[in-house]
Amino acid sequence: MRVVLINRFFHPDESATALMLTDLVTGLANPGLDLHVITAAAAYTPSGEHARDTLGVDRLSVTRLPNLPLSHHSLAARALNFLAFYCGLLVAGLFRVRRGDIVICLTDPPLVGIVAALLTRLKGATLIHWVQDIYPETATRLGFGTSTNPAVRLAIRLRDWAWGTAHTNVVIGERMHAMLVSRGVVPARLHIIQNWAEEEALTPLAAEHNPLRAQWGFGKDVTVVGYSGNLGRAHDAATMLDAAALLGARQDAPIRLLFIGGGAKHALLETAADDPRLSNIVARRPYRPRAELQQSLSVPDIHWLSLEPELEGLIVPSKFYGAAAVGRPIIFIGDTDGEVARLIAKAQCGASFAKGDAEGVANYLAVLAKDRALQAQLGENARHYCTAHLSKEQRMDEWRSLVASV
């Protein structure tokens, strides 16, 4: 039996989808299964550019498609690299995909599932579409193009066709499930498998036992509110920055904002550095390698994440899983009935706030900063929910069962 997996990034890269795919490959590996990954030669995270390319999985082969030497920070450059990947995938797939294969295709680059659907139809393979995010709606709702544009309408029709032709579409949340149903995908072709974190590696680490916290200059009396990962166009940062400005004016709760990673919205942080209300509150650090993730995720006493409300059902922020694994309270800013907001409510591990509710966020942070016992309880709730309902091994069991059924 043979499974072909497609995504723009894979080990040794450490972007979110690369880590998910790498975990799935190691989770599926067994003596009766051949695995082949088609990916790009490029890396998204700096750590991925220098890490070793070995994964130690038997019966695994990898095809790395060439990419253009262009920065992924430019939209035009990214579009050209997307096009190069589509073309390379079509050619490589004609040689690598065989009749009877199971093809698991993620959604990076956007709309790559259309190419995967074409390949599986041509080669007599079976397609599982692993939907991590949904385009072109994400782009149009962020102001890139309109739903009435003929090219966008064609892309949507082809994307819907790809979903319809897939044997199974794996989605990562209830709101995303509803989105695909609204586009005509029959429930029999849908399967919800949430994302996960390495909860066995990402165990809670107390501040006094975390060398990275001291190295980054955060004392015991400071409450660190952290954001880890990509802070991109899909995420709201202004509400938290406004809340931090309110807290700074109060002078009654020593709070620092910590941003770990990168993304388009980091330009806002550069502006914040010039704001006298925020210049001593906001700290930035680059992406950390996966080997340091337990320490970096444990530097914050409280985690926050966000999603623009209009993107609910199109994206599910995976940052929730790592924050829950290390046992930290979680604040979400966005749709208060969104996917992450529902998870926080189920886990009883924090609170959700509407975009723009800086005062509500500031008041809640002030309470948490003064009540270490409440922080600890919410963190314990997050960790318990993670191990009980979101464990990596549970997700791997679901994936193995799905592949076996196909």
Protein backbone atom coordinates (compact mmCIF):
# COMPACT_ATOMS: atom_id res chain seq x y z
CA MET A 1 0.00 0.00 0.00
CA ARG A 2 1.27 3.49 -0.84
CA VAL A 3 0.38 6.96 0.40
CA VAL A 4 1.53 10.12 -1.38
CA LEU A 5 1.43 13.33 0.66
CA ILE A 6 1.52 16.83 -0.88
CA ASN A 7 2.33 20.14 0.78
CA ARG A 8 4.62 23.05 -0.01
CA PHE A 9 6.60 22.61 3.22
CA PHE A 10 7.81 19.48 5.00
CA HIS A 11 10.58 18.39 7.34
CA PRO A 12 13.06 19.86 8.15
CA ASP A 13 10.97 23.04 7.83
CA GLU A 14 9.11 23.99 11.02
CA SER A 15 6.16 26.03 9.77
CA ALA A 16 2.74 24.97 11.09
CA THR A 17 1.66 22.78 8.17
CA ALA A 18 5.16 21.32 7.82
CA LEU A 19 5.03 20.15 11.43
CA MET A 20 1.54 18.71 10.97
CA LEU A 21 2.61 16.81 7.86
CA THR A 22 5.83 15.59 9.49
CA ASP A 23 3.87 14.26 12.46
CA LEU A 24 1.38 12.55 10.16
CA VAL A 25 4.16 10.86 8.19
CA THR A 26 5.75 9.48 11.36
CA GLY A 27 2.32 8.53 12.69
CA LEU A 28 1.36 6.59 9.56
CA ALA A 29 4.71 4.84 9.16
CA ASN A 30 4.50 1.06 9.41
CA PRO A 31 6.17 -1.91 7.67
CA GLY A 32 3.24 -2.41 5.31
CA LEU A 33 3.04 1.13 3.98
CA ASP A 34 5.17 3.05 1.51
CA LEU A 35 5.13 6.83 1.99
CA HIS A 36 6.12 9.44 -0.57
CA VAL A 37 6.09 13.20 0.03
CA ILE A 38 5.99 15.78 -2.76
CA THR A 39 7.09 19.15 -1.41
CA ALA A 40 9.13 22.21 -2.28
CA ALA A 41 12.86 22.57 -1.82
CA ALA A 42 12.32 25.87 0.01
CA ALA A 43 11.92 26.48 3.75
CA TYR A 44 9.51 28.91 5.38
CA THR A 45 11.14 29.18 8.80
CA PRO A 46 14.83 30.06 9.29
CA SER A 47 15.39 26.93 11.38
CA GLY A 48 14.20 24.81 8.45
CA GLU A 49 16.92 26.20 6.19
CA HIS A 50 19.72 24.78 8.30
CA ALA A 51 18.25 21.68 9.93
CA ARG A 52 19.20 18.19 8.87
CA ASP A 53 16.99 16.64 6.19
CA THR A 54 16.78 13.22 7.84
CA LEU A 55 13.58 12.02 9.50
CA GLY A 56 14.44 8.38 10.22
CA VAL A 57 11.25 6.89 8.73
CA ASP A 58 11.62 3.61 6.86
CA ARG A 59 10.02 3.29 3.42
CA LEU A 60 9.76 7.08 3.06
CA SER A 61 10.84 8.89 -0.09
CA VAL A 62 10.66 12.61 -0.82
CA THR A 63 10.47 14.59 -4.06
CA ARG A 64 11.52 18.22 -3.58
CA LEU A 65 10.33 20.53 -6.33
CA PRO A 66 12.58 23.44 -7.33
CA ASN A 67 11.45 26.90 -6.33
CA LEU A 68 12.26 30.37 -7.57
CA PRO A 69 14.88 32.23 -5.46
CA LEU A 70 12.36 34.87 -4.36
CA SER A 71 11.40 36.11 -0.90
CA HIS A 72 8.08 34.80 0.45
CA HIS A 73 7.49 38.20 2.06
CA SER A 74 6.42 39.66 -1.31
CA LEU A 75 2.92 38.77 -2.51
CA ALA A 76 4.03 38.78 -6.15
CA ALA A 77 7.00 36.53 -5.36
CA ARG A 78 4.78 34.15 -3.43
CA ALA A 79 2.32 33.98 -6.34
CA LEU A 80 5.16 33.10 -8.73
CA ASN A 81 6.42 30.38 -6.38
CA PHE A 82 2.86 29.05 -6.07
CA LEU A 83 2.67 28.79 -9.86
CA ALA A 84 6.06 27.07 -9.99
CA PHE A 85 4.86 24.55 -7.40
CA TYR A 86 1.65 23.81 -9.32
CA CYS A 87 3.61 23.16 -12.51
CA GLY A 88 6.25 21.09 -10.75
CA LEU A 89 3.60 19.07 -8.91
CA LEU A 90 1.75 18.30 -12.13
CA VAL A 91 4.92 17.00 -13.78
CA ALA A 92 6.23 15.13 -10.73
CA GLY A 93 2.80 13.72 -9.96
CA LEU A 94 2.50 12.15 -13.39
CA PHE A 95 5.63 10.11 -12.56
CA ARG A 96 5.21 9.64 -8.80
CA VAL A 97 1.48 8.99 -8.35
CA ARG A 98 0.40 5.47 -9.29
CA ARG A 99 -2.91 3.71 -9.78
CA GLY A 100 -4.30 2.63 -6.42
CA ASP A 101 -2.31 5.16 -4.39
CA ILE A 102 -3.93 7.21 -1.64
CA VAL A 103 -3.04 10.89 -2.07
CA ILE A 104 -3.30 13.18 0.98
CA CYS A 105 -3.12 16.80 -0.14
CA LEU A 106 -2.93 19.76 2.24
CA THR A 107 -3.85 23.33 1.23
CA ASP A 108 -0.44 25.01 0.89
CA PRO A 109 -0.08 26.55 -1.60
CA PRO A 110 -3.69 27.75 -1.95
CA LEU A 111 -5.83 25.79 -4.41
CA VAL A 112 -3.23 23.03 -4.75
CA GLY A 113 -6.08 20.57 -4.23
CA ILE A 114 -7.25 21.31 -7.77
CA VAL A 115 -3.97 19.96 -9.16
CA ALA A 116 -4.17 16.98 -6.80
CA ALA A 117 -7.72 16.22 -7.97
CA LEU A 118 -6.59 16.30 -11.61
CA LEU A 119 -3.69 13.97 -10.87
CA THR A 120 -5.75 11.44 -8.95
CA ARG A 121 -8.39 11.36 -11.69
CA LEU A 122 -5.73 10.88 -14.39
CA LYS A 123 -3.77 8.25 -12.48
CA GLY A 124 -6.61 6.30 -10.88
CA ALA A 125 -5.61 7.22 -7.32
CA THR A 126 -7.80 8.13 -4.32
CA LEU A 127 -7.74 11.67 -2.93
CA ILE A 128 -7.99 12.74 0.70
CA HIS A 129 -8.11 16.53 0.84
CA TRP A 130 -6.72 17.77 4.19
CA VAL A 131 -8.22 21.26 4.45
CA GLN A 132 -6.09 23.50 6.70
CA ASP A 133 -7.40 26.77 5.25
CA ILE A 134 -9.79 27.81 2.51
CA TYR A 135 -8.97 29.96 -0.50
CA PRO A 136 -9.83 32.11 -2.41
CA GLU A 137 -12.40 33.27 0.20
CA THR A 138 -9.64 34.03 2.73
CA ALA A 139 -7.96 36.34 0.22
CA THR A 140 -11.14 38.11 -0.88
CA ARG A 141 -12.33 38.68 2.70
CA LEU A 142 -8.97 40.27 3.44
CA GLY A 143 -9.44 42.63 0.51
CA PHE A 144 -7.43 40.84 -2.18
CA GLY A 145 -9.85 40.62 -5.10
CA THR A 146 -13.62 40.29 -4.99
CA SER A 147 -16.03 37.38 -5.16
CA THR A 148 -17.48 38.80 -8.39
CA ASN A 149 -14.14 38.71 -10.20
CA PRO A 150 -14.33 36.13 -13.05
CA ALA A 151 -10.96 34.60 -12.09
CA VAL A 152 -12.04 34.26 -8.46
CA ARG A 153 -15.37 32.73 -9.46
CA LEU A 154 -13.55 30.21 -11.68
CA ALA A 155 -11.14 29.36 -8.84
CA ILE A 156 -14.07 28.75 -6.48
CA ARG A 157 -15.82 26.49 -8.99
CA LEU A 158 -12.65 24.45 -9.56
CA ARG A 159 -11.97 24.28 -5.82
CA ASP A 160 -15.53 23.08 -5.15
CA TRP A 161 -15.09 20.48 -7.89
CA ALA A 162 -11.89 19.28 -6.21
CA TRP A 163 -13.71 18.91 -2.89
CA GLY A 164 -16.53 17.05 -4.61
CA THR A 165 -14.22 14.64 -6.42
CA ALA A 166 -12.21 13.78 -3.29
CA HIS A 167 -12.97 10.52 -1.53
CA THR A 168 -12.77 12.37 1.81
CA ASN A 169 -12.25 15.97 2.88
CA VAL A 170 -10.63 16.17 6.31
CA VAL A 171 -11.45 19.47 8.02
CA ILE A 172 -10.02 20.73 11.32
CA GLY A 173 -13.09 22.27 12.97
CA GLU A 174 -16.87 22.43 13.17
CA ARG A 175 -17.12 25.85 11.54
CA MET A 176 -14.98 24.64 8.64
CA HIS A 177 -17.21 21.57 8.32
CA ALA A 178 -20.22 23.87 8.00
CA MET A 179 -18.41 25.93 5.38
CA LEU A 180 -17.83 22.92 3.13
CA VAL A 181 -21.41 21.75 3.56
CA SER A 182 -22.56 25.23 2.49
CA ARG A 183 -20.50 24.77 -0.69
CA GLY A 184 -22.31 21.55 -1.56
CA VAL A 185 -19.96 18.90 -0.15
CA VAL A 186 -22.05 16.00 1.11
CA PRO A 187 -21.45 15.12 4.79
CA ALA A 188 -20.48 11.57 3.80
CA ARG A 189 -17.34 13.03 2.18
CA LEU A 190 -16.41 15.06 5.28
CA HIS A 191 -14.41 14.03 8.31
CA ILE A 192 -13.38 16.25 11.26
CA ILE A 193 -9.88 15.61 12.61
CA GLN A 194 -8.55 18.44 14.73
CA ASN A 195 -4.93 19.51 14.69
CA TRP A 196 -2.70 18.71 17.64
CA ALA A 197 0.49 19.54 19.53
CA GLU A 198 3.31 17.36 20.85
CA GLU A 199 1.82 17.21 24.33
CA GLU A 200 4.40 14.68 25.53
CA ALA A 201 7.23 17.03 24.59
CA LEU A 202 5.39 20.26 25.38
CA THR A 203 4.87 19.68 29.07
CA PRO A 204 4.28 22.63 31.44
CA LEU A 205 7.51 24.31 32.52
CA ALA A 206 7.55 26.67 35.51
CA ALA A 207 9.09 30.12 35.04
CA GLU A 208 11.84 29.47 37.60
CA HIS A 209 12.91 26.33 35.72
CA ASN A 210 12.90 27.95 32.28
CA PRO A 211 16.36 29.27 31.31
CA LEU A 212 14.95 31.03 28.24
CA ARG A 213 12.73 33.28 30.34
CA ALA A 214 15.66 34.56 32.35
CA GLN A 215 17.79 34.82 29.22
CA TRP A 216 15.15 37.05 27.62
CA GLY A 217 15.06 39.28 30.69
CA PHE A 218 11.64 38.58 32.19
CA GLY A 219 11.62 38.68 35.98
CA LYS A 220 9.36 36.74 38.32
CA ASP A 221 7.22 39.79 39.09
CA VAL A 222 6.37 40.40 35.42
CA THR A 223 3.33 38.82 33.76
CA VAL A 224 4.31 37.91 30.20
CA VAL A 225 1.48 37.78 27.65
CA GLY A 226 2.77 35.91 24.62
CA TYR A 227 1.93 35.36 20.97
CA SER A 228 3.89 32.61 19.21
CA GLY A 229 3.94 31.97 15.47
CA ASN A 230 2.84 33.81 12.38
CA LEU A 231 1.19 37.19 12.99
CA GLY A 232 -0.21 37.64 9.51
CA ARG A 233 -2.97 39.44 7.68
CA ALA A 234 -5.53 37.00 9.07
CA HIS A 235 -4.80 38.05 12.65
CA ASP A 236 -5.80 41.10 14.68
CA ALA A 237 -2.97 42.67 16.67
CA ALA A 238 -4.37 46.18 17.24
CA THR A 239 -6.80 45.11 19.99
CA MET A 240 -4.06 43.57 22.12
CA LEU A 241 -1.72 46.52 21.54
CA ASP A 242 -4.49 48.91 22.60
CA ALA A 243 -5.13 46.77 25.69
CA ALA A 244 -1.42 46.87 26.53
CA ALA A 245 -1.45 50.66 26.23
CA LEU A 246 -4.34 50.81 28.71
CA LEU A 247 -2.51 48.52 31.11
CA GLY A 248 0.66 50.57 30.81
CA ALA A 249 -1.25 53.70 31.76
CA ARG A 250 -2.60 52.05 34.91
CA GLN A 251 0.84 51.18 36.29
CA ASP A 252 -0.81 48.66 38.62
CA ALA A 253 0.09 45.42 36.85
CA PRO A 254 3.61 44.83 35.44
CA ILE A 255 2.73 43.23 32.10
CA ARG A 256 4.89 42.70 29.02
CA LEU A 257 3.77 41.63 25.55
CA LEU A 258 6.02 39.08 23.86
CA PHE A 259 5.79 38.31 20.13
CA ILE A 260 7.69 35.22 18.95
CA GLY A 261 7.82 34.61 15.21
CA GLY A 262 7.13 36.76 12.17
CA GLY A 263 4.42 37.77 9.72
CA ALA A 264 2.95 40.75 7.89
CA LYS A 265 1.47 42.35 11.03
CA HIS A 266 4.89 42.68 12.65
CA ALA A 267 5.01 46.10 11.02
CA LEU A 268 2.55 47.16 13.73
CA LEU A 269 5.08 46.16 16.34
CA GLU A 270 7.67 48.44 14.79
CA THR A 271 5.17 51.28 15.09
CA ALA A 272 4.49 50.30 18.69
CA ALA A 273 8.17 50.70 19.47
CA ASP A 274 7.79 54.43 18.77
CA ASP A 275 4.71 54.75 20.98
CA PRO A 276 5.76 55.96 24.46
CA ARG A 277 2.90 53.95 25.99
CA LEU A 278 4.23 50.70 24.48
CA SER A 279 7.97 51.15 23.96
CA ASN A 280 8.82 49.44 27.27
CA ILE A 281 6.02 46.89 27.10
CA VAL A 282 6.45 45.13 23.74
CA ALA A 283 9.25 42.61 23.15
CA ARG A 284 9.98 40.63 19.96
CA ARG A 285 11.89 37.41 19.31
CA PRO A 286 12.37 35.42 16.09
CA TYR A 287 10.98 31.95 15.37
CA ARG A 288 12.39 29.26 17.65
CA PRO A 289 13.32 25.73 16.49
CA ARG A 290 11.00 22.91 17.49
CA ALA A 291 13.61 21.59 19.93
CA GLU A 292 13.19 24.79 21.96
CA LEU A 293 9.42 24.97 21.68
CA GLN A 294 8.71 23.80 25.22
CA GLN A 295 10.87 26.60 26.61
CA SER A 296 9.67 29.33 24.23
CA LEU A 297 5.97 28.49 24.70
CA SER A 298 6.49 28.41 28.47
CA VAL A 299 8.03 31.89 28.65
CA PRO A 300 4.57 33.56 28.55
CA ASP A 301 2.39 33.26 31.63
CA ILE A 302 -0.65 33.82 29.39
CA HIS A 303 -1.06 33.10 25.68
CA TRP A 304 -3.24 35.05 23.30
CA LEU A 305 -4.23 34.42 19.71
CA SER A 306 -6.59 36.00 17.24
CA LEU A 307 -8.42 35.61 13.96
CA GLU A 308 -10.23 38.22 11.94
CA PRO A 309 -13.93 37.46 12.55
CA GLU A 310 -14.78 37.24 8.84
CA LEU A 311 -12.33 34.35 8.47
CA GLU A 312 -14.14 31.96 10.82
CA GLY A 313 -14.78 28.70 9.03
CA LEU A 314 -11.85 29.35 6.69
CA ILE A 315 -8.93 29.12 9.13
CA VAL A 316 -8.44 27.54 12.57
CA PRO A 317 -5.44 29.02 14.47
CA SER A 318 -3.27 26.05 15.44
CA LYS A 319 -1.51 28.10 18.13
CA PHE A 320 -4.21 27.03 20.59
CA TYR A 321 -2.87 23.48 20.78
CA GLY A 322 0.68 24.39 21.80
CA ALA A 323 -0.50 26.92 24.37
CA ALA A 324 -2.86 24.34 25.88
CA ALA A 325 -0.15 21.69 25.92
CA VAL A 326 2.21 23.81 28.05
CA GLY A 327 -0.64 24.59 30.44
CA ARG A 328 -1.16 28.31 30.03
CA PRO A 329 -4.36 30.41 30.18
CA ILE A 330 -5.50 31.45 26.71
CA ILE A 331 -7.12 34.65 25.45
CA PHE A 332 -8.75 34.71 22.02
CA ILE A 333 -9.64 37.88 20.12
CA GLY A 334 -12.11 37.49 17.26
CA ASP A 335 -15.52 35.88 16.78
CA THR A 336 -16.67 34.93 20.29
CA ASP A 337 -18.54 31.96 18.77
CA GLY A 338 -15.57 30.93 16.66
CA GLU A 339 -13.72 27.62 16.66
CA VAL A 340 -11.06 28.65 19.18
CA ALA A 341 -13.59 30.48 21.35
CA ARG A 342 -15.58 27.23 21.57
CA LEU A 343 -12.45 25.27 22.51
CA ILE A 344 -11.59 27.77 25.26
CA ALA A 345 -15.13 27.52 26.63
CA LYS A 346 -15.05 23.71 26.60
CA ALA A 347 -11.64 23.62 28.27
CA GLN A 348 -12.49 26.43 30.72
CA CYS A 349 -8.97 27.75 30.19
CA GLY A 350 -9.42 31.46 29.47
CA ALA A 351 -11.71 33.95 27.77
CA SER A 352 -12.69 35.26 24.32
CA PHE A 353 -13.21 38.88 23.32
CA ALA A 354 -14.61 40.62 20.26
CA LYS A 355 -12.20 42.45 18.00
CA GLY A 356 -11.81 46.01 19.28
CA ASP A 357 -12.69 45.21 22.90
CA ALA A 358 -9.36 46.47 24.23
CA GLU A 359 -10.85 47.50 27.55
CA GLY A 360 -12.31 44.03 28.15
CA VAL A 361 -8.97 42.41 27.32
CA ALA A 362 -7.09 44.85 29.57
CA ASN A 363 -9.45 44.27 32.50
CA TYR A 364 -9.14 40.49 32.16
CA LEU A 365 -5.35 40.63 31.93
CA ALA A 366 -5.21 42.87 35.00
CA VAL A 367 -7.22 40.28 36.96
CA LEU A 368 -4.98 37.42 35.83
CA ALA A 369 -1.81 39.38 36.56
CA LYS A 370 -2.87 39.85 40.18
CA ASP A 371 -4.31 36.36 40.71
CA ARG A 372 -1.59 33.75 40.24
CA ALA A 373 -3.86 31.04 41.63
CA LEU A 374 -6.41 31.73 38.89
CA GLN A 375 -3.64 31.65 36.29
CA ALA A 376 -2.52 28.26 37.59
CA GLN A 377 -6.07 26.85 37.59
CA LEU A 378 -6.79 27.97 34.03
CA GLY A 379 -3.44 26.55 32.92
CA GLU A 380 -4.22 23.21 34.56
CA ASN A 381 -7.58 23.17 32.81
CA ALA A 382 -5.90 23.80 29.46
CA ARG A 383 -3.38 21.00 29.98
CA HIS A 384 -6.05 18.55 31.13
CA TYR A 385 -8.24 19.28 28.12
CA CYS A 386 -5.26 18.89 25.81
CA THR A 387 -4.25 15.48 27.13
CA ALA A 388 -7.83 14.23 27.46
CA HIS A 389 -9.26 15.41 24.14
CA LEU A 390 -6.53 16.77 21.85
CA SER A 391 -3.62 14.37 22.19
CA LYS A 392 -1.43 13.67 19.20
CA GLU A 393 -1.88 9.91 19.55
CA GLN A 394 -5.68 10.27 19.41
CA ARG A 395 -5.33 12.25 16.18
CA MET A 396 -2.91 9.66 14.76
CA ASP A 397 -5.39 6.88 15.59
CA GLU A 398 -8.08 8.81 13.70
CA TRP A 399 -5.80 9.26 10.68
CA ARG A 400 -4.70 5.61 10.68
CA SER A 401 -8.33 4.49 10.86
CA LEU A 402 -9.28 6.81 8.00
CA VAL A 403 -6.44 5.63 5.76
CA ALA A 404 -7.21 2.00 6.57
CA SER A 405 -10.88 2.50 5.69
CA VAL A 406 -9.96 4.05 2.34
